């Protein structure tokens, strides 16, 4: 998937609903959810004015809890992306779930915080 998204001009010409179908598929051959996120952002940025309105819906199809923790910082550092997502309740809920998931994973790995 990442190679097609990175090199295919056909990928950039997909419409939002078809891209959504592809990234929502359980059969998507991606090595990581980071690849999916990067492909979505590439597609949106290719025609920002026409596509940024699709970003909130597409982000609901990205499995945000499976992203590495630094991906959240990258999203927040991009003013254009952050501006679109900041007011989206569905994304805010996904982000809260992802942060809770990462906090639990860290606690299980490292043990509870010292009192």
Foldseek 3Di string as FASTA:
>chain_A
DLVCLVPPPVLLVDDLVVLLVQLLDPPNDDPFLVSVVVSLVVSCVVPVVVRLQSVVVSVLSRQLLRDPPVVVVVQCVPCSNCVSCVPPPSVVVSVVVSVVSVVVVCCVVPNDDDD
